[in-house]
C-alpha cells in the first residue's frame, strides 16, 4: 500500500506556515504480471463476477491477492475463462474441466464421456415418459397391474440389469468371455432408447419373469445337470449358432418347422458333444429331453416360461425373431422329423 503525503500551505492569524496532511490512499501495489481485477476479467470474458469467484474457489482459475486482499489475474486468464465457459456450455462437469486444464484428459475423451452420460439420461427420460403413457392409457385392473409393474423399475437400466443378472447365474462359468458376450448381445439387449409404452411394459414383464425364484432354482439345477453331459460347451454353442443361422431366414420367411439342413446341424451339434450320432433313436431322446425340460444349455432352458421370455423379448425390442424363437422352431422341426 502507498500513502501519498500532500503538502499544503495554509494561513493562520496572518502568518504563513506549512502543515503536512495525510490525504489518503490513492493506489495499491499490484503483484507483477497480475494486472486484471475480477470485475474487468469477468467483463472481458463475458462471465459474471460470482462465476469467476466460483471457478477460482474450484481451483480452475489462478489468481493472486493484492496487498489490499483483492484478486488479481494475469491477462492469460481471459482466454482460460472463455475456454472454461465454452466447455461448460457443452455440458462438461467440473471434474472433467479440472482434468482437461491440467492436461491429464484428452478433449475427445471428455466429450465422449459427456455424450455417454447424456445418452443415458435421455434413455432414462424416454423410459419414464413411456411408462407414464403406459399407465395413463390403461384402465381398471390393467392400470393397477401396470402401475405395480412399472412403479418398481425406475428406468430401463434397472430392468436390463435384472435380466442380465438372471442369465449370468445360468451361464456356464467355464465359457470364454467372448462367447458370453455374444450370447448376452442377442439374448439380453438393452431397451430401446425411445421405447413405446408397449415396449416398456414388455421389458418390465421380462424383468418380472426373470425375478421368479422358482424359475431361477429350476433352471440352475437343469443347467448343472446339462453341463455334466456336455463335453465341450463351446463346440455345442458354435454348432447351435450355425444351425440358428440356417433356420433364421426360414422363420423370417414364414416357413413352417420342418426337417432340413438347419435341423440336421442342430441335432449334430448335440450329438457331437454327447458322444453320440444323429440317429432316429438319438433324435427321439433329444426331443423327449427338450419337451420334459430335462435337457438345457445356455440359451435353451427347457421350461415353458422361457418361451414366454423370448416372446416378450420380441415385443420389447420390436424384433419378433430372436435366438429363442429360432431355437423353438428347430425343436418343433425335430418333433416333425421324429413323427
C-alpha atoms as a PDB file:
ATOM      1  CA  UNK A   1       0.000   0.000   0.000  1.00  0.00           C
ATOM      2  CA  UNK A   2       1.294   3.522  -0.866  1.00  0.00           C
ATOM      3  CA  UNK A   3       0.397   6.528   1.305  1.00  0.00           C
ATOM      4  CA  UNK A   4       0.709   9.841  -0.517  1.00  0.00           C
ATOM      5  CA  UNK A   5       1.608  12.821   1.586  1.00  0.00           C
ATOM      6  CA  UNK A   6       0.154  16.115   0.373  1.00  0.00           C
ATOM      7  CA  UNK A   7       1.930  19.295   1.457  1.00  0.00           C
ATOM      8  CA  UNK A   8      -0.402  22.249   1.674  1.00  0.00           C
ATOM      9  CA  UNK A   9       0.372  25.864   2.715  1.00  0.00           C
ATOM     10  CA  UNK A  10      -2.236  27.399   4.957  1.00  0.00           C
ATOM     11  CA  UNK A  11      -2.509  30.722   6.743  1.00  0.00           C
ATOM     12  CA  UNK A  12      -3.105  31.260  10.417  1.00  0.00           C
ATOM     13  CA  UNK A  13      -3.715  34.698  12.005  1.00  0.00           C
ATOM     14  CA  UNK A  14      -1.887  36.429   9.223  1.00  0.00           C
ATOM     15  CA  UNK A  15       1.119  34.203   9.387  1.00  0.00           C
ATOM     16  CA  UNK A  16       2.036  31.502   6.951  1.00  0.00           C
ATOM     17  CA  UNK A  17       3.096  28.075   7.938  1.00  0.00           C
ATOM     18  CA  UNK A  18       3.284  24.694   6.203  1.00  0.00           C
ATOM     19  CA  UNK A  19       1.327  21.779   7.546  1.00  0.00           C
ATOM     20  CA  UNK A  20       1.565  18.162   6.389  1.00  0.00           C
ATOM     21  CA  UNK A  21      -1.788  16.381   5.967  1.00  0.00           C
ATOM     22  CA  UNK A  22      -2.370  12.709   5.206  1.00  0.00           C
ATOM     23  CA  UNK A  23      -4.775  12.868   2.257  1.00  0.00           C
ATOM     24  CA  UNK A  24      -5.331   9.064   1.997  1.00  0.00           C
ATOM     25  CA  UNK A  25      -4.757   6.017  -0.160  1.00  0.00           C
ATOM     26  CA  UNK A  26      -4.660   6.649  -3.863  1.00  0.00           C
ATOM     27  CA  UNK A  27      -3.307   3.371  -5.258  1.00  0.00           C
ATOM     28  CA  UNK A  28      -2.262  -0.220  -4.392  1.00  0.00           C
ATOM     29  CA  UNK A  29       0.785  -2.280  -5.103  1.00  0.00           C
ATOM     30  CA  UNK A  30      -0.264  -4.998  -7.645  1.00  0.00           C
ATOM     31  CA  UNK A  31       1.803  -8.197  -7.948  1.00  0.00           C
ATOM     32  CA  UNK A  32       3.932  -8.289 -11.049  1.00  0.00           C
ATOM     33  CA  UNK A  33       2.075  -9.819 -14.025  1.00  0.00           C
ATOM     34  CA  UNK A  34      -1.360  -9.785 -12.345  1.00  0.00           C
ATOM     35  CA  UNK A  35      -2.994  -6.731 -13.825  1.00  0.00           C
ATOM     36  CA  UNK A  36      -6.695  -7.591 -14.131  1.00  0.00           C
ATOM     37  CA  UNK A  37      -9.244  -7.145 -11.397  1.00  0.00           C
ATOM     38  CA  UNK A  38     -12.061  -9.640 -11.020  1.00  0.00           C
ATOM     39  CA  UNK A  39     -14.628  -7.270 -12.487  1.00  0.00           C
ATOM     40  CA  UNK A  40     -12.522  -6.492 -15.514  1.00  0.00           C
ATOM     41  CA  UNK A  41     -11.771 -10.178 -16.094  1.00  0.00           C
ATOM     42  CA  UNK A  42     -15.452 -11.036 -15.936  1.00  0.00           C
ATOM     43  CA  UNK A  43     -16.304  -8.233 -18.363  1.00  0.00           C
ATOM     44  CA  UNK A  44     -13.651  -9.272 -20.888  1.00  0.00           C
ATOM     45  CA  UNK A  45     -14.640 -12.945 -20.747  1.00  0.00           C
ATOM     46  CA  UNK A  46     -18.386 -12.290 -20.614  1.00  0.00           C
ATOM     47  CA  UNK A  47     -18.802 -14.042 -17.266  1.00  0.00           C
ATOM     48  CA  UNK A  48     -20.489 -12.742 -14.081  1.00  0.00           C
ATOM     49  CA  UNK A  49     -18.164 -11.900 -11.207  1.00  0.00           C
ATOM     50  CA  UNK A  50     -19.791 -14.516  -8.969  1.00  0.00           C
ATOM     51  CA  UNK A  51     -18.963 -17.162 -11.585  1.00  0.00           C
ATOM     52  CA  UNK A  52     -15.337 -16.030 -11.690  1.00  0.00           C
ATOM     53  CA  UNK A  53     -15.179 -16.380  -7.899  1.00  0.00           C
ATOM     54  CA  UNK A  54     -16.708 -19.858  -8.133  1.00  0.00           C
ATOM     55  CA  UNK A  55     -14.129 -21.067 -10.659  1.00  0.00           C
ATOM     56  CA  UNK A  56     -11.354 -19.630  -8.503  1.00  0.00           C
ATOM     57  CA  UNK A  57     -12.708 -21.490  -5.465  1.00  0.00           C
ATOM     58  CA  UNK A  58     -12.814 -24.708  -7.523  1.00  0.00           C
ATOM     59  CA  UNK A  59      -9.167 -24.318  -8.490  1.00  0.00           C
ATOM     60  CA  UNK A  60      -9.859 -23.777 -12.183  1.00  0.00           C
ATOM     61  CA  UNK A  61      -8.557 -20.194 -12.272  1.00  0.00           C
ATOM     62  CA  UNK A  62      -5.298 -18.972 -10.773  1.00  0.00           C
ATOM     63  CA  UNK A  63      -5.194 -15.633  -9.008  1.00  0.00           C
ATOM     64  CA  UNK A  64      -3.071 -13.743  -6.528  1.00  0.00           C
ATOM     65  CA  UNK A  65      -4.080 -11.372  -3.780  1.00  0.00           C
ATOM     66  CA  UNK A  66      -3.079  -7.767  -3.779  1.00  0.00           C
ATOM     67  CA  UNK A  67      -1.897  -6.182  -0.567  1.00  0.00           C
ATOM     68  CA  UNK A  68      -5.462  -4.978  -0.199  1.00  0.00           C
ATOM     69  CA  UNK A  69      -6.777  -8.537  -0.366  1.00  0.00           C
ATOM     70  CA  UNK A  70      -8.319  -8.305  -3.838  1.00  0.00           C
ATOM     71  CA  UNK A  71      -7.963 -10.994  -6.502  1.00  0.00           C
ATOM     72  CA  UNK A  72      -5.718 -10.130  -9.404  1.00  0.00           C
ATOM     73  CA  UNK A  73      -5.343 -12.111 -12.621  1.00  0.00           C
ATOM     74  CA  UNK A  74      -2.831 -12.374 -15.422  1.00  0.00           C
ATOM     75  CA  UNK A  75      -4.069 -11.459 -18.927  1.00  0.00           C
ATOM     76  CA  UNK A  76      -3.998 -15.166 -19.928  1.00  0.00           C
ATOM     77  CA  UNK A  77      -6.892 -15.726 -17.524  1.00  0.00           C
ATOM     78  CA  UNK A  78      -9.244 -14.178 -20.086  1.00  0.00           C
ATOM     79  CA  UNK A  79      -8.664 -16.957 -22.635  1.00  0.00           C
ATOM     80  CA  UNK A  80      -8.711 -19.611 -19.930  1.00  0.00           C
ATOM     81  CA  UNK A  81     -12.026 -18.348 -18.594  1.00  0.00           C
ATOM     82  CA  UNK A  82     -13.527 -18.217 -22.081  1.00  0.00           C
ATOM     83  CA  UNK A  83     -12.401 -21.817 -22.645  1.00  0.00           C
ATOM     84  CA  UNK A  84     -13.958 -22.934 -19.367  1.00  0.00           C
ATOM     85  CA  UNK A  85     -17.179 -21.195 -20.346  1.00  0.00           C
ATOM     86  CA  UNK A  86     -17.222 -22.969 -23.728  1.00  0.00           C
ATOM     87  CA  UNK A  87     -16.594 -26.382 -22.191  1.00  0.00           C
ATOM     88  CA  UNK A  88     -19.287 -25.823 -19.584  1.00  0.00           C
ATOM     89  CA  UNK A  89     -21.640 -24.850 -22.390  1.00  0.00           C
ATOM     90  CA  UNK A  90     -21.082 -28.305 -23.877  1.00  0.00           C
ATOM     91  CA  UNK A  91     -22.093 -29.877 -20.594  1.00  0.00           C
ATOM     92  CA  UNK A  92     -18.678 -30.889 -19.252  1.00  0.00           C
ATOM     93  CA  UNK A  93     -18.611 -31.235 -15.482  1.00  0.00           C
ATOM     94  CA  UNK A  94     -16.146 -29.676 -13.072  1.00  0.00           C
ATOM     95  CA  UNK A  95     -14.047 -32.861 -12.610  1.00  0.00           C
ATOM     96  CA  UNK A  96     -13.596 -33.127 -16.387  1.00  0.00           C
ATOM     97  CA  UNK A  97     -12.684 -29.433 -16.607  1.00  0.00           C
ATOM     98  CA  UNK A  98     -10.030 -29.881 -13.949  1.00  0.00           C
ATOM     99  CA  UNK A  99      -8.507 -32.848 -15.785  1.00  0.00           C
ATOM    100  CA  UNK A 100      -8.628 -31.029 -19.119  1.00  0.00           C
ATOM    101  CA  UNK A 101      -6.943 -27.901 -17.823  1.00  0.00           C
ATOM    102  CA  UNK A 102      -4.266 -29.984 -16.141  1.00  0.00           C
ATOM    103  CA  UNK A 103      -3.585 -31.811 -19.416  1.00  0.00           C
ATOM    104  CA  UNK A 104      -4.475 -35.214 -17.949  1.00  0.00           C
ATOM    105  CA  UNK A 105      -7.542 -35.826 -20.145  1.00  0.00           C
ATOM    106  CA  UNK A 106      -7.869 -35.514 -23.937  1.00  0.00           C
ATOM    107  CA  UNK A 107     -10.736 -33.345 -25.098  1.00  0.00           C
ATOM    108  CA  UNK A 108     -12.133 -36.148 -27.295  1.00  0.00           C
ATOM    109  CA  UNK A 109     -12.358 -38.464 -24.271  1.00  0.00           C
ATOM    110  CA  UNK A 110     -14.070 -35.788 -22.178  1.00  0.00           C
ATOM    111  CA  UNK A 111     -16.604 -35.085 -24.914  1.00  0.00           C
ATOM    112  CA  UNK A 112     -17.303 -38.791 -25.427  1.00  0.00           C
ATOM    113  CA  UNK A 113     -17.894 -39.280 -21.700  1.00  0.00           C
ATOM    114  CA  UNK A 114     -20.254 -36.297 -21.555  1.00  0.00           C
ATOM    115  CA  UNK A 115     -22.140 -37.573 -24.573  1.00  0.00           C
ATOM    116  CA  UNK A 116     -22.456 -41.025 -22.996  1.00  0.00           C
ATOM    117  CA  UNK A 117     -23.873 -39.520 -19.811  1.00  0.00           C
ATOM    118  CA  UNK A 118     -26.356 -37.520 -21.865  1.00  0.00           C
ATOM    119  CA  UNK A 119     -27.391 -40.646 -23.790  1.00  0.00           C
ATOM    120  CA  UNK A 120     -28.033 -42.451 -20.512  1.00  0.00           C
ATOM    121  CA  UNK A 121     -30.073 -39.523 -19.216  1.00  0.00           C
ATOM    122  CA  UNK A 122     -32.056 -39.378 -22.453  1.00  0.00           C
ATOM    123  CA  UNK A 123     -32.776 -43.117 -22.279  1.00  0.00           C
ATOM    124  CA  UNK A 124     -33.948 -42.813 -18.668  1.00  0.00           C
ATOM    125  CA  UNK A 125     -36.290 -39.978 -19.598  1.00  0.00           C
ATOM    126  CA  UNK A 126     -37.595 -41.947 -22.583  1.00  0.00           C
ATOM    127  CA  UNK A 127     -38.367 -44.920 -20.340  1.00  0.00           C
ATOM    128  CA  UNK A 128     -40.159 -42.758 -17.767  1.00  0.00           C
ATOM    129  CA  UNK A 129     -42.201 -40.996 -20.430  1.00  0.00           C
ATOM    130  CA  UNK A 130     -43.294 -44.289 -21.989  1.00  0.00           C
ATOM    131  CA  UNK A 131     -44.051 -45.763 -18.553  1.00  0.00           C
ATOM    132  CA  UNK A 132     -46.293 -42.815 -17.719  1.00  0.00           C
ATOM    133  CA  UNK A 133     -48.130 -43.235 -21.003  1.00  0.00           C
ATOM    134  CA  UNK A 134     -48.479 -46.991 -20.432  1.00  0.00           C
ATOM    135  CA  UNK A 135     -50.240 -46.420 -17.111  1.00  0.00           C
ATOM    136  CA  UNK A 136     -52.236 -43.495 -18.476  1.00  0.00           C
ATOM    137  CA  UNK A 137     -53.554 -45.494 -21.441  1.00  0.00           C
ATOM    138  CA  UNK A 138     -54.638 -48.492 -19.333  1.00  0.00           C
ATOM    139  CA  UNK A 139     -57.831 -48.694 -17.319  1.00  0.00           C
ATOM    140  CA  UNK A 140     -59.261 -50.661 -14.426  1.00  0.00           C
ATOM    141  CA  UNK A 141     -57.366 -53.728 -13.287  1.00  0.00           C
ATOM    142  CA  UNK A 142     -54.846 -53.382 -16.111  1.00  0.00           C
ATOM    143  CA  UNK A 143     -53.914 -49.894 -14.914  1.00  0.00           C
ATOM    144  CA  UNK A 144     -53.372 -51.220 -11.379  1.00  0.00           C
ATOM    145  CA  UNK A 145     -51.241 -54.061 -12.726  1.00  0.00           C
ATOM    146  CA  UNK A 146     -49.118 -51.738 -14.869  1.00  0.00           C
ATOM    147  CA  UNK A 147     -48.650 -49.319 -12.003  1.00  0.00           C
ATOM    148  CA  UNK A 148     -47.418 -52.156  -9.812  1.00  0.00           C
ATOM    149  CA  UNK A 149     -45.169 -53.477 -12.581  1.00  0.00           C
ATOM    150  CA  UNK A 150     -43.614 -50.191 -13.673  1.00  0.00           C
ATOM    151  CA  UNK A 151     -43.538 -48.460 -10.320  1.00  0.00           C
ATOM    152  CA  UNK A 152     -40.814 -50.817  -9.105  1.00  0.00           C
ATOM    153  CA  UNK A 153     -38.475 -50.096 -12.039  1.00  0.00           C
ATOM    154  CA  UNK A 154     -37.012 -46.587 -12.099  1.00  0.00           C
ATOM    155  CA  UNK A 155     -35.652 -46.917 -15.627  1.00  0.00           C
ATOM    156  CA  UNK A 156     -34.648 -49.290 -18.396  1.00  0.00           C
ATOM    157  CA  UNK A 157     -31.133 -49.618 -16.989  1.00  0.00           C
ATOM    158  CA  UNK A 158     -32.522 -51.248 -13.849  1.00  0.00           C
ATOM    159  CA  UNK A 159     -34.698 -53.591 -15.906  1.00  0.00           C
ATOM    160  CA  UNK A 160     -31.776 -54.557 -18.136  1.00  0.00           C
ATOM    161  CA  UNK A 161     -29.587 -55.211 -15.100  1.00  0.00           C
ATOM    162  CA  UNK A 162     -32.174 -57.552 -13.598  1.00  0.00           C
ATOM    163  CA  UNK A 163     -32.485 -59.599 -16.798  1.00  0.00           C
ATOM    164  CA  UNK A 164     -28.715 -59.697 -17.302  1.00  0.00           C
ATOM    165  CA  UNK A 165     -28.144 -60.963 -13.747  1.00  0.00           C
ATOM    166  CA  UNK A 166     -30.625 -63.777 -14.400  1.00  0.00           C
ATOM    167  CA  UNK A 167     -28.646 -65.125 -17.352  1.00  0.00           C
ATOM    168  CA  UNK A 168     -25.279 -64.625 -15.705  1.00  0.00           C
ATOM    169  CA  UNK A 169     -26.343 -67.009 -12.971  1.00  0.00           C
ATOM    170  CA  UNK A 170     -27.253 -69.643 -15.568  1.00  0.00           C
ATOM    171  CA  UNK A 171     -24.312 -69.415 -17.943  1.00  0.00           C
ATOM    172  CA  UNK A 172     -21.557 -71.975 -17.659  1.00  0.00           C
ATOM    173  CA  UNK A 173     -18.697 -70.262 -15.770  1.00  0.00           C
ATOM    174  CA  UNK A 174     -16.232 -72.146 -17.971  1.00  0.00           C
ATOM    175  CA  UNK A 175     -17.435 -70.368 -21.117  1.00  0.00           C
ATOM    176  CA  UNK A 176     -14.964 -67.901 -22.672  1.00  0.00           C
ATOM    177  CA  UNK A 177     -15.696 -64.216 -22.206  1.00  0.00           C
ATOM    178  CA  UNK A 178     -16.271 -63.620 -25.915  1.00  0.00           C
ATOM    179  CA  UNK A 179     -18.825 -66.433 -26.028  1.00  0.00           C
ATOM    180  CA  UNK A 180     -20.688 -64.972 -23.065  1.00  0.00           C
ATOM    181  CA  UNK A 181     -20.606 -61.521 -24.667  1.00  0.00           C
ATOM    182  CA  UNK A 182     -22.044 -62.938 -27.891  1.00  0.00           C
ATOM    183  CA  UNK A 183     -24.883 -64.617 -26.034  1.00  0.00           C
ATOM    184  CA  UNK A 184     -25.666 -61.524 -23.977  1.00  0.00           C
ATOM    185  CA  UNK A 185     -25.751 -59.365 -27.103  1.00  0.00           C
ATOM    186  CA  UNK A 186     -28.522 -61.422 -28.686  1.00  0.00           C
ATOM    187  CA  UNK A 187     -30.378 -62.534 -25.560  1.00  0.00           C
ATOM    188  CA  UNK A 188     -30.280 -59.504 -23.285  1.00  0.00           C
ATOM    189  CA  UNK A 189     -30.325 -56.380 -25.477  1.00  0.00           C
ATOM    190  CA  UNK A 190     -30.782 -53.042 -23.775  1.00  0.00           C
ATOM    191  CA  UNK A 191     -34.235 -51.436 -24.001  1.00  0.00           C
ATOM    192  CA  UNK A 192     -34.801 -49.132 -26.976  1.00  0.00           C
ATOM    193  CA  UNK A 193     -33.562 -45.576 -26.413  1.00  0.00           C
ATOM    194  CA  UNK A 194     -37.021 -44.182 -27.191  1.00  0.00           C
ATOM    195  CA  UNK A 195     -39.425 -47.018 -26.326  1.00  0.00           C
ATOM    196  CA  UNK A 196     -43.145 -47.167 -26.876  1.00  0.00           C
ATOM    197  CA  UNK A 197     -45.447 -47.825 -23.919  1.00  0.00           C
ATOM    198  CA  UNK A 198     -45.903 -51.396 -25.161  1.00  0.00           C
ATOM    199  CA  UNK A 199     -42.154 -51.964 -25.280  1.00  0.00           C
ATOM    200  CA  UNK A 200     -41.694 -50.663 -21.756  1.00  0.00           C
ATOM    201  CA  UNK A 201     -44.422 -52.967 -20.464  1.00  0.00           C
ATOM    202  CA  UNK A 202     -42.902 -55.960 -22.281  1.00  0.00           C
ATOM    203  CA  UNK A 203     -39.397 -55.265 -20.942  1.00  0.00           C
ATOM    204  CA  UNK A 204     -40.726 -54.762 -17.412  1.00  0.00           C
ATOM    205  CA  UNK A 205     -42.510 -58.101 -17.686  1.00  0.00           C
ATOM    206  CA  UNK A 206     -39.207 -59.641 -18.758  1.00  0.00           C
ATOM    207  CA  UNK A 207     -37.613 -58.335 -15.577  1.00  0.00           C
ATOM    208  CA  UNK A 208     -40.519 -59.667 -13.510  1.00  0.00           C
ATOM    209  CA  UNK A 209     -40.291 -63.063 -15.210  1.00  0.00           C
ATOM    210  CA  UNK A 210     -36.587 -63.419 -14.521  1.00  0.00           C
ATOM    211  CA  UNK A 211     -37.186 -62.464 -10.869  1.00  0.00           C
ATOM    212  CA  UNK A 212     -39.274 -65.650 -10.441  1.00  0.00           C
ATOM    213  CA  UNK A 213     -37.303 -67.565  -7.788  1.00  0.00           C
ATOM    214  CA  UNK A 214     -38.854 -70.884  -8.717  1.00  0.00           C
ATOM    215  CA  UNK A 215     -37.784 -70.406 -12.319  1.00  0.00           C
ATOM    216  CA  UNK A 216     -34.291 -69.439 -11.218  1.00  0.00           C
ATOM    217  CA  UNK A 217     -33.967 -72.509  -8.995  1.00  0.00           C
ATOM    218  CA  UNK A 218     -35.243 -74.943 -11.623  1.00  0.00           C
ATOM    219  CA  UNK A 219     -33.068 -73.571 -14.405  1.00  0.00           C
ATOM    220  CA  UNK A 220     -29.935 -73.545 -12.290  1.00  0.00           C
ATOM    221  CA  UNK A 221     -30.488 -77.187 -11.403  1.00  0.00           C
ATOM    222  CA  UNK A 222     -31.094 -78.114 -15.038  1.00  0.00           C
ATOM    223  CA  UNK A 223     -28.099 -76.132 -16.199  1.00  0.00           C
ATOM    224  CA  UNK A 224     -25.857 -78.013 -13.742  1.00  0.00           C
ATOM    225  CA  UNK A 225     -27.210 -81.359 -14.922  1.00  0.00           C
ATOM    226  CA  UNK A 226     -26.753 -80.436 -18.571  1.00  0.00           C
ATOM    227  CA  UNK A 227     -23.160 -79.345 -18.069  1.00  0.00           C
ATOM    228  CA  UNK A 228     -22.340 -82.832 -16.862  1.00  0.00           C
ATOM    229  CA  UNK A 229     -23.491 -84.226 -20.218  1.00  0.00           C
ATOM    230  CA  UNK A 230     -21.669 -81.739 -22.428  1.00  0.00           C
ATOM    231  CA  UNK A 231     -18.020 -82.477 -23.146  1.00  0.00           C
ATOM    232  CA  UNK A 232     -17.352 -79.196 -24.971  1.00  0.00           C
ATOM    233  CA  UNK A 233     -19.831 -76.348 -24.334  1.00  0.00           C
ATOM    234  CA  UNK A 234     -18.029 -74.012 -26.733  1.00  0.00           C
ATOM    235  CA  UNK A 235     -18.314 -76.546 -29.550  1.00  0.00           C
ATOM    236  CA  UNK A 236     -22.002 -77.003 -28.759  1.00  0.00           C
ATOM    237  CA  UNK A 237     -22.647 -73.272 -28.944  1.00  0.00           C
ATOM    238  CA  UNK A 238     -20.732 -72.979 -32.190  1.00  0.00           C
ATOM    239  CA  UNK A 239     -22.762 -75.792 -33.758  1.00  0.00           C
ATOM    240  CA  UNK A 240     -26.032 -74.356 -32.493  1.00  0.00           C
ATOM    241  CA  UNK A 241     -25.091 -70.965 -33.856  1.00  0.00           C
ATOM    242  CA  UNK A 242     -24.593 -72.483 -37.301  1.00  0.00           C
ATOM    243  CA  UNK A 243     -27.989 -74.164 -37.058  1.00  0.00           C
ATOM    244  CA  UNK A 244     -29.622 -70.926 -35.958  1.00  0.00           C
ATOM    245  CA  UNK A 245     -28.135 -69.075 -38.918  1.00  0.00           C
ATOM    246  CA  UNK A 246     -29.596 -71.665 -41.290  1.00  0.00           C
ATOM    247  CA  UNK A 247     -33.021 -71.585 -39.637  1.00  0.00           C
ATOM    248  CA  UNK A 248     -33.306 -67.820 -39.196  1.00  0.00           C
ATOM    249  CA  UNK A 249     -34.210 -66.930 -42.810  1.00  0.00           C
ATOM    250  CA  UNK A 250     -36.725 -69.797 -42.913  1.00  0.00           C
ATOM    251  CA  UNK A 251     -38.506 -68.453 -39.852  1.00  0.00           C
ATOM    252  CA  UNK A 252     -38.486 -64.905 -41.216  1.00  0.00           C
ATOM    253  CA  UNK A 253     -39.933 -66.161 -44.487  1.00  0.00           C
ATOM    254  CA  UNK A 254     -42.823 -67.730 -42.593  1.00  0.00           C
ATOM    255  CA  UNK A 255     -41.782 -71.315 -43.274  1.00  0.00           C
ATOM    256  CA  UNK A 256     -43.305 -73.913 -41.016  1.00  0.00           C
ATOM    257  CA  UNK A 257     -40.886 -76.006 -38.913  1.00  0.00           C
ATOM    258  CA  UNK A 258     -39.674 -78.941 -40.989  1.00  0.00           C
ATOM    259  CA  UNK A 259     -36.661 -81.248 -41.334  1.00  0.00           C
ATOM    260  CA  UNK A 260     -33.758 -79.952 -43.397  1.00  0.00           C
ATOM    261  CA  UNK A 261     -30.121 -78.763 -43.215  1.00  0.00           C
ATOM    262  CA  UNK A 262     -30.828 -76.446 -40.275  1.00  0.00           C
ATOM    263  CA  UNK A 263     -32.270 -79.256 -38.163  1.00  0.00           C
ATOM    264  CA  UNK A 264     -29.517 -81.666 -39.212  1.00  0.00           C
ATOM    265  CA  UNK A 265     -26.858 -79.231 -37.966  1.00  0.00           C
ATOM    266  CA  UNK A 266     -28.819 -78.658 -34.768  1.00  0.00           C
ATOM    267  CA  UNK A 267     -29.020 -82.373 -33.947  1.00  0.00           C
ATOM    268  CA  UNK A 268     -25.403 -82.984 -34.967  1.00  0.00           C
ATOM    269  CA  UNK A 269     -24.210 -80.230 -32.608  1.00  0.00           C
ATOM    270  CA  UNK A 270     -25.830 -82.015 -29.672  1.00  0.00           C
ATOM    271  CA  UNK A 271     -24.733 -85.477 -30.759  1.00  0.00           C
ATOM    272  CA  UNK A 272     -21.103 -84.409 -31.124  1.00  0.00           C
ATOM    273  CA  UNK A 273     -20.784 -83.183 -27.519  1.00  0.00           C
ATOM    274  CA  UNK A 274     -22.592 -86.205 -26.073  1.00  0.00           C
ATOM    275  CA  UNK A 275     -20.541 -88.823 -27.854  1.00  0.00           C
ATOM    276  CA  UNK A 276     -23.472 -89.957 -29.973  1.00  0.00           C
ATOM    277  CA  UNK A 277     -24.606 -89.968 -33.591  1.00  0.00           C
ATOM    278  CA  UNK A 278     -27.544 -88.450 -35.420  1.00  0.00           C
ATOM    279  CA  UNK A 279     -29.868 -91.426 -35.436  1.00  0.00           C
ATOM    280  CA  UNK A 280     -33.627 -91.774 -35.140  1.00  0.00           C
ATOM    281  CA  UNK A 281     -33.196 -93.018 -31.575  1.00  0.00           C
ATOM    282  CA  UNK A 282     -30.996 -90.040 -30.644  1.00  0.00           C
ATOM    283  CA  UNK A 283     -33.490 -87.591 -32.147  1.00  0.00           C
ATOM    284  CA  UNK A 284     -36.289 -89.144 -30.155  1.00  0.00           C
ATOM    285  CA  UNK A 285     -34.218 -88.982 -26.968  1.00  0.00           C
ATOM    286  CA  UNK A 286     -33.277 -85.372 -27.631  1.00  0.00           C
ATOM    287  CA  UNK A 287     -36.871 -84.352 -28.327  1.00  0.00           C
ATOM    288  CA  UNK A 288     -38.079 -86.036 -25.149  1.00  0.00           C
ATOM    289  CA  UNK A 289     -35.430 -84.212 -23.141  1.00  0.00           C
ATOM    290  CA  UNK A 290     -36.415 -80.857 -24.600  1.00  0.00           C
ATOM    291  CA  UNK A 291     -40.118 -81.396 -24.029  1.00  0.00           C
ATOM    292  CA  UNK A 292     -39.656 -82.580 -20.448  1.00  0.00           C
ATOM    293  CA  UNK A 293     -37.206 -79.839 -19.680  1.00  0.00           C
ATOM    294  CA  UNK A 294     -34.530 -82.304 -18.657  1.00  0.00           C
ATOM    295  CA  UNK A 295     -32.089 -81.003 -21.271  1.00  0.00           C
ATOM    296  CA  UNK A 296     -30.908 -77.466 -21.261  1.00  0.00           C
ATOM    297  CA  UNK A 297     -27.841 -75.496 -22.134  1.00  0.00           C
ATOM    298  CA  UNK A 298     -27.246 -71.772 -22.184  1.00  0.00           C
ATOM    299  CA  UNK A 299     -29.914 -70.303 -24.476  1.00  0.00           C
ATOM    300  CA  UNK A 300     -32.316 -73.233 -24.399  1.00  0.00           C
ATOM    301  CA  UNK A 301     -33.552 -73.933 -20.849  1.00  0.00           C
ATOM    302  CA  UNK A 302     -36.401 -76.423 -21.036  1.00  0.00           C
ATOM    303  CA  UNK A 303     -39.151 -74.533 -19.269  1.00  0.00           C
ATOM    304  CA  UNK A 304     -42.350 -73.157 -20.838  1.00  0.00           C
ATOM    305  CA  UNK A 305     -41.738 -69.842 -19.107  1.00  0.00           C
ATOM    306  CA  UNK A 306     -38.640 -69.414 -21.249  1.00  0.00           C
ATOM    307  CA  UNK A 307     -40.790 -69.498 -24.370  1.00  0.00           C
ATOM    308  CA  UNK A 308     -42.640 -66.575 -22.877  1.00  0.00           C
ATOM    309  CA  UNK A 309     -39.286 -64.885 -22.274  1.00  0.00           C
ATOM    310  CA  UNK A 310     -38.449 -64.957 -25.989  1.00  0.00           C
ATOM    311  CA  UNK A 311     -41.943 -63.755 -26.899  1.00  0.00           C
ATOM    312  CA  UNK A 312     -41.632 -60.792 -24.513  1.00  0.00           C
ATOM    313  CA  UNK A 313     -38.138 -60.049 -25.765  1.00  0.00           C
ATOM    314  CA  UNK A 314     -39.513 -59.773 -29.284  1.00  0.00           C
ATOM    315  CA  UNK A 315     -42.191 -57.339 -28.089  1.00  0.00           C
ATOM    316  CA  UNK A 316     -39.653 -55.302 -26.110  1.00  0.00           C
ATOM    317  CA  UNK A 317     -37.180 -54.905 -28.958  1.00  0.00           C
ATOM    318  CA  UNK A 318     -39.619 -54.811 -31.851  1.00  0.00           C
ATOM    319  CA  UNK A 319     -37.775 -57.794 -33.367  1.00  0.00           C
ATOM    320  CA  UNK A 320     -40.035 -60.881 -33.247  1.00  0.00           C
ATOM    321  CA  UNK A 321     -37.302 -63.266 -34.446  1.00  0.00           C
ATOM    322  CA  UNK A 322     -34.917 -63.962 -31.570  1.00  0.00           C
ATOM    323  CA  UNK A 323     -32.416 -66.680 -30.780  1.00  0.00           C
ATOM    324  CA  UNK A 324     -35.124 -68.247 -28.620  1.00  0.00           C
ATOM    325  CA  UNK A 325     -37.813 -68.289 -31.291  1.00  0.00           C
ATOM    326  CA  UNK A 326     -35.329 -69.789 -33.753  1.00  0.00           C
ATOM    327  CA  UNK A 327     -34.493 -72.463 -31.195  1.00  0.00           C
ATOM    328  CA  UNK A 328     -38.174 -73.214 -30.651  1.00  0.00           C
ATOM    329  CA  UNK A 329     -38.627 -73.505 -34.423  1.00  0.00           C
ATOM    330  CA  UNK A 330     -35.845 -76.101 -34.543  1.00  0.00           C
ATOM    331  CA  UNK A 331     -37.315 -78.076 -31.620  1.00  0.00           C
ATOM    332  CA  UNK A 332     -40.689 -78.107 -33.395  1.00  0.00           C
ATOM    333  CA  UNK A 333     -38.913 -79.240 -36.573  1.00  0.00           C
ATOM    334  CA  UNK A 334     -37.291 -82.004 -34.554  1.00  0.00           C
ATOM    335  CA  UNK A 335     -40.734 -83.119 -33.441  1.00  0.00           C
ATOM    336  CA  UNK A 336     -41.873 -83.326 -37.066  1.00  0.00           C
ATOM    337  CA  UNK A 337     -38.814 -85.356 -38.013  1.00  0.00           C
ATOM    338  CA  UNK A 338     -39.466 -87.877 -35.239  1.00  0.00           C
ATOM    339  CA  UNK A 339     -43.117 -88.158 -36.243  1.00  0.00           C
END
